[in-house]
């Protein structure tokens, strides 16, 4: 099996410069994570309701 580096065959994505302070970035990421947790809970509730209907 031949080993290769993907960067050798594909261009690596350039990282965006982020000059925002850590506290600002962290607050934004934390807010986004909280939104995703809420969406996850909503979807879990919906899935459980659908599963209950299938099991009747």
C-alpha atoms as a PDB file:
ATOM      1  CA  UNK A   1       0.000   0.000   0.000  1.00  0.00           C
ATOM      2  CA  UNK A   2       1.451   3.338  -1.021  1.00  0.00           C
ATOM      3  CA  UNK A   3       1.352   6.220   1.437  1.00  0.00           C
ATOM      4  CA  UNK A   4       0.850   9.720   0.200  1.00  0.00           C
ATOM      5  CA  UNK A   5       0.141  13.132   1.552  1.00  0.00           C
ATOM      6  CA  UNK A   6      -3.226  14.554   0.419  1.00  0.00           C
ATOM      7  CA  UNK A   7      -1.654  18.017   0.336  1.00  0.00           C
ATOM      8  CA  UNK A   8       0.610  16.762  -2.363  1.00  0.00           C
ATOM      9  CA  UNK A   9      -2.348  16.127  -4.658  1.00  0.00           C
ATOM     10  CA  UNK A  10      -4.895  18.714  -3.492  1.00  0.00           C
ATOM     11  CA  UNK A  11      -4.462  22.300  -2.463  1.00  0.00           C
ATOM     12  CA  UNK A  12      -4.694  22.837   1.265  1.00  0.00           C
ATOM     13  CA  UNK A  13      -7.325  25.367   2.295  1.00  0.00           C
ATOM     14  CA  UNK A  14      -5.911  28.627   3.518  1.00  0.00           C
ATOM     15  CA  UNK A  15      -6.840  29.514   7.084  1.00  0.00           C
ATOM     16  CA  UNK A  16      -8.711  32.776   7.477  1.00  0.00           C
ATOM     17  CA  UNK A  17      -7.081  35.436   9.597  1.00  0.00           C
ATOM     18  CA  UNK A  18      -9.129  36.104  12.711  1.00  0.00           C
ATOM     19  CA  UNK A  19      -8.128  39.227  14.579  1.00  0.00           C
ATOM     20  CA  UNK A  20     -11.049  39.077  17.013  1.00  0.00           C
ATOM     21  CA  UNK A  21     -10.130  38.650  20.670  1.00  0.00           C
ATOM     22  CA  UNK A  22     -10.417  35.149  22.111  1.00  0.00           C
ATOM     23  CA  UNK A  23     -13.291  36.144  24.403  1.00  0.00           C
ATOM     24  CA  UNK A  24     -15.329  37.380  21.436  1.00  0.00           C
ATOM     25  CA  UNK A  25     -14.651  34.272  19.359  1.00  0.00           C
ATOM     26  CA  UNK A  26     -15.376  32.001  22.328  1.00  0.00           C
ATOM     27  CA  UNK A  27     -18.683  33.730  23.098  1.00  0.00           C
ATOM     28  CA  UNK A  28     -19.767  33.317  19.482  1.00  0.00           C
ATOM     29  CA  UNK A  29     -18.794  29.657  19.396  1.00  0.00           C
ATOM     30  CA  UNK A  30     -20.493  29.010  22.722  1.00  0.00           C
ATOM     31  CA  UNK A  31     -23.692  30.627  21.456  1.00  0.00           C
ATOM     32  CA  UNK A  32     -23.611  28.542  18.304  1.00  0.00           C
ATOM     33  CA  UNK A  33     -23.049  25.371  20.332  1.00  0.00           C
ATOM     34  CA  UNK A  34     -26.023  26.216  22.582  1.00  0.00           C
ATOM     35  CA  UNK A  35     -28.191  26.638  19.468  1.00  0.00           C
ATOM     36  CA  UNK A  36     -27.011  23.266  18.183  1.00  0.00           C
ATOM     37  CA  UNK A  37     -27.773  21.606  21.535  1.00  0.00           C
ATOM     38  CA  UNK A  38     -31.298  23.052  21.431  1.00  0.00           C
ATOM     39  CA  UNK A  39     -31.786  21.822  17.862  1.00  0.00           C
ATOM     40  CA  UNK A  40     -30.479  18.401  18.853  1.00  0.00           C
ATOM     41  CA  UNK A  41     -32.992  18.186  21.712  1.00  0.00           C
ATOM     42  CA  UNK A  42     -35.822  19.277  19.399  1.00  0.00           C
ATOM     43  CA  UNK A  43     -34.876  16.669  16.820  1.00  0.00           C
ATOM     44  CA  UNK A  44     -34.552  13.942  19.450  1.00  0.00           C
ATOM     45  CA  UNK A  45     -38.064  14.712  20.690  1.00  0.00           C
ATOM     46  CA  UNK A  46     -39.397  14.571  17.144  1.00  0.00           C
ATOM     47  CA  UNK A  47     -37.641  11.269  16.431  1.00  0.00           C
ATOM     48  CA  UNK A  48     -38.955   9.723  19.658  1.00  0.00           C
ATOM     49  CA  UNK A  49     -42.519  10.789  18.768  1.00  0.00           C
ATOM     50  CA  UNK A  50     -42.160   9.232  15.314  1.00  0.00           C
ATOM     51  CA  UNK A  51     -40.733   6.022  16.747  1.00  0.00           C
ATOM     52  CA  UNK A  52     -43.590   5.784  19.219  1.00  0.00           C
ATOM     53  CA  UNK A  53     -46.095   6.073  16.373  1.00  0.00           C
ATOM     54  CA  UNK A  54     -44.332   3.329  14.406  1.00  0.00           C
ATOM     55  CA  UNK A  55     -44.360   1.016  17.434  1.00  0.00           C
ATOM     56  CA  UNK A  56     -48.165   1.239  17.924  1.00  0.00           C
END
